[in-house]
Amino acid sequence: MRVEYEPDHAHDSLHARTPLHRLRQSADADAFGLAEEHDRLFGMGSADDRPHLTLRINNGLLLVRDGVGTWLIHGAADGLVYPAGDRLVWLLPLLERTPSDVSAELSDVPVADTPLPALVRFALTAWGSYWPTLALDWLDAGWPARDLRGILADMKDSREFSQPLRDRALRLWRASAHA
């Protein structure tokens, strides 16, 4: 079996240091393609520890929360599993939906306990204007901006962004001071 190791830059967890591997694609694997090898490597044994929440991202990717609260990205095509916090770029398409739609699909979990706050923060600092614009759309739609004041302050002063984007960041920065 070929094993790939992924460096841990985001956080020091068992999932970030665990070898990535192909999940067994067989009839006895559960609905998410988890097999006994996956369970052993990730320390998941009982049915209670198996994925509970699933959100389809796009291109066959699934955002999954297992029974112990770890957020993972499952690749349907390749069967690989990645810690969601290490692959925020893969979650960016979620910003193309409204925050209320995404939150509704994850209604069993407080939003603060999901990768979504990190995703919005990441998108605000992303390259180009597309992802920052979508992140600002989420803030305009009521997504909490209080913890993002520093990023909004940097955006409002950055020459890398267009003037309309800087103006939106300034408006949201001012509004977050009163929230």
Protein backbone atom coordinates (compact mmCIF):
# COMPACT_ATOMS: atom_id res chain seq x y z
CA MET A 1 0.00 0.00 0.00
CA ARG A 2 1.42 3.39 -1.02
CA VAL A 3 1.28 5.85 1.88
CA GLU A 4 1.56 9.61 1.56
CA TYR A 5 2.31 11.87 4.50
CA GLU A 6 0.87 15.32 4.73
CA PRO A 7 2.84 17.96 6.66
CA ASP A 8 1.04 19.49 9.60
CA HIS A 9 1.14 23.25 9.31
CA ALA A 10 -2.27 24.08 10.72
CA HIS A 11 -2.47 22.16 13.96
CA ASP A 12 -0.91 19.32 15.85
CA SER A 13 -3.59 16.64 15.85
CA LEU A 14 -3.73 12.92 15.24
CA HIS A 15 -5.59 13.48 11.99
CA ALA A 16 -2.99 15.93 10.65
CA ARG A 17 -0.12 13.53 11.34
CA THR A 18 -1.86 10.37 10.14
CA PRO A 19 -0.88 8.91 6.76
CA LEU A 20 -3.37 9.56 4.01
CA HIS A 21 -4.69 6.43 2.46
CA ARG A 22 -7.20 5.04 0.07
CA LEU A 23 -10.46 3.98 1.60
CA ARG A 24 -11.70 0.55 0.69
CA GLN A 25 -14.53 0.90 -1.84
CA SER A 26 -16.56 -2.22 -1.13
CA ALA A 27 -20.14 -3.19 -0.47
CA ASP A 28 -19.52 -3.57 3.26
CA ALA A 29 -18.07 -0.05 3.67
CA ASP A 30 -20.52 2.37 5.23
CA ALA A 31 -22.23 5.21 3.38
CA PHE A 32 -19.16 7.46 3.49
CA GLY A 33 -16.75 4.82 2.24
CA LEU A 34 -15.08 4.34 5.63
CA ALA A 35 -13.43 0.97 6.00
CA GLU A 36 -11.76 -0.88 8.84
CA GLU A 37 -8.29 0.44 7.91
CA HIS A 38 -9.56 4.03 8.08
CA ASP A 39 -11.16 3.35 11.44
CA ARG A 40 -7.96 1.85 12.81
CA LEU A 41 -5.73 4.68 11.58
CA PHE A 42 -8.04 7.40 12.82
CA GLY A 43 -8.83 5.68 16.12
CA MET A 44 -12.46 5.20 15.21
CA GLY A 45 -13.96 1.94 16.31
CA SER A 46 -17.57 2.12 17.31
CA ALA A 47 -20.47 3.12 15.11
CA ASP A 48 -20.87 6.14 17.40
CA ASP A 49 -17.53 7.50 16.17
CA ARG A 50 -18.46 7.35 12.51
CA PRO A 51 -19.38 10.47 10.51
CA HIS A 52 -22.62 12.09 11.57
CA LEU A 53 -22.91 15.30 9.55
CA THR A 54 -22.22 15.63 5.86
CA LEU A 55 -22.22 18.65 3.58
CA ARG A 56 -21.59 18.28 -0.14
CA ILE A 57 -19.02 20.87 -1.24
CA ASN A 58 -18.64 20.25 -4.97
CA ASN A 59 -16.70 18.06 -7.41
CA GLY A 60 -17.44 15.03 -5.28
CA LEU A 61 -16.00 16.48 -2.07
CA LEU A 62 -17.84 16.04 1.20
CA LEU A 63 -17.34 17.96 4.43
CA VAL A 64 -17.93 15.43 7.19
CA ARG A 65 -17.99 15.70 10.97
CA ASP A 66 -17.20 12.45 12.69
CA GLY A 67 -18.62 11.36 16.03
CA VAL A 68 -15.74 12.86 18.00
CA GLY A 69 -16.19 16.29 16.41
CA THR A 70 -13.36 16.26 13.87
CA TRP A 71 -14.11 17.90 10.52
CA LEU A 72 -12.81 15.97 7.52
CA ILE A 73 -12.98 16.32 3.76
CA HIS A 74 -13.72 13.08 1.96
CA GLY A 75 -12.87 12.80 -1.71
CA ALA A 76 -15.51 10.66 -3.37
CA ALA A 77 -13.45 10.04 -6.50
CA ASP A 78 -10.12 9.16 -4.88
CA GLY A 79 -11.32 7.97 -1.49
CA LEU A 80 -8.81 10.08 0.41
CA VAL A 81 -9.54 11.80 3.72
CA TYR A 82 -8.06 15.15 4.75
CA PRO A 83 -8.45 17.32 7.85
CA ALA A 84 -10.75 20.19 6.82
CA GLY A 85 -8.63 22.81 8.57
CA ASP A 86 -5.68 21.86 6.37
CA ARG A 87 -7.67 22.21 3.13
CA LEU A 88 -9.69 25.42 3.51
CA VAL A 89 -9.13 26.21 -0.16
CA TRP A 90 -11.29 23.19 -1.00
CA LEU A 91 -14.10 24.66 1.10
CA LEU A 92 -14.15 28.00 -0.75
CA PRO A 93 -17.05 26.94 -3.05
CA LEU A 94 -19.28 26.90 0.05
CA LEU A 95 -19.08 30.71 -0.05
CA GLU A 96 -20.98 30.62 -3.36
CA ARG A 97 -24.03 29.63 -1.31
CA THR A 98 -25.71 31.87 1.23
CA PRO A 99 -24.59 31.59 4.83
CA SER A 100 -28.12 30.67 5.87
CA ASP A 101 -28.22 27.76 3.39
CA VAL A 102 -24.88 26.39 4.58
CA SER A 103 -25.73 26.92 8.25
CA ALA A 104 -29.08 25.18 7.77
CA GLU A 105 -27.32 22.09 6.45
CA LEU A 106 -25.13 22.11 9.56
CA SER A 107 -27.93 23.03 11.96
CA ASP A 108 -27.02 20.34 14.51
CA VAL A 109 -23.72 22.06 15.30
CA PRO A 110 -23.02 25.63 16.47
CA VAL A 111 -21.46 27.56 13.58
CA ALA A 112 -18.47 28.44 15.76
CA ASP A 113 -17.69 24.70 16.02
CA THR A 114 -17.44 24.29 12.25
CA PRO A 115 -14.66 25.18 9.80
CA LEU A 116 -16.82 28.06 8.49
CA PRO A 117 -15.31 30.87 10.63
CA ALA A 118 -11.81 29.83 9.48
CA LEU A 119 -13.09 29.61 5.90
CA VAL A 120 -14.47 33.17 5.93
CA ARG A 121 -11.23 34.45 7.48
CA PHE A 122 -9.20 32.58 4.83
CA ALA A 123 -11.38 33.90 1.98
CA LEU A 124 -10.96 37.49 3.12
CA THR A 125 -7.21 37.08 2.67
CA ALA A 126 -7.38 35.03 -0.54
CA TRP A 127 -5.85 36.02 -3.85
CA GLY A 128 -7.80 38.08 -6.38
CA SER A 129 -11.16 39.61 -5.65
CA TYR A 130 -13.61 36.73 -6.19
CA TRP A 131 -13.27 34.94 -2.83
CA PRO A 132 -12.87 38.12 -0.75
CA THR A 133 -16.02 39.49 -2.42
CA LEU A 134 -17.97 36.35 -1.52
CA ALA A 135 -16.67 36.50 2.06
CA LEU A 136 -17.80 40.14 2.28
CA ASP A 137 -21.19 39.02 0.94
CA TRP A 138 -21.41 36.61 3.88
CA LEU A 139 -20.57 39.45 6.28
CA ASP A 140 -23.21 41.64 4.63
CA ALA A 141 -25.70 38.79 5.09
CA GLY A 142 -25.13 38.84 8.83
CA TRP A 143 -22.13 36.57 9.36
CA PRO A 144 -20.36 37.71 12.57
CA ALA A 145 -17.59 40.20 11.74
CA ARG A 146 -16.42 41.10 15.24
CA ASP A 147 -13.49 38.62 15.20
CA LEU A 148 -12.53 39.77 11.70
CA ARG A 149 -11.91 43.44 12.51
CA GLY A 150 -8.14 43.13 12.03
CA ILE A 151 -8.54 41.54 8.60
CA LEU A 152 -11.15 44.11 7.58
CA ALA A 153 -8.80 46.88 8.73
CA ASP A 154 -6.04 45.44 6.54
CA MET A 155 -8.44 45.10 3.59
CA LYS A 156 -9.73 48.66 3.81
CA ASP A 157 -6.16 49.98 3.56
CA SER A 158 -4.79 47.51 1.02
CA ARG A 159 -3.98 48.68 -2.51
CA GLU A 160 -4.28 45.05 -3.66
CA PHE A 161 -8.06 45.34 -3.60
CA SER A 162 -10.30 47.46 -5.80
CA GLN A 163 -11.76 50.64 -4.35
CA PRO A 164 -15.30 49.18 -4.11
CA LEU A 165 -13.93 46.19 -2.17
CA ARG A 166 -11.97 48.47 0.17
CA ASP A 167 -15.09 50.61 0.70
CA ARG A 168 -17.11 47.51 1.65
CA ALA A 169 -14.37 46.40 4.04
CA LEU A 170 -14.34 49.89 5.61
CA ARG A 171 -18.12 49.88 6.05
CA LEU A 172 -18.08 46.41 7.63
CA TRP A 173 -15.08 47.33 9.80
CA ARG A 174 -16.96 50.36 11.15
CA ALA A 175 -20.14 48.34 11.69
CA SER A 176 -18.27 45.57 13.54
CA ALA A 177 -17.04 48.11 16.10
CA HIS A 178 -20.65 48.66 17.19
CA ALA A 179 -21.68 45.03 17.18
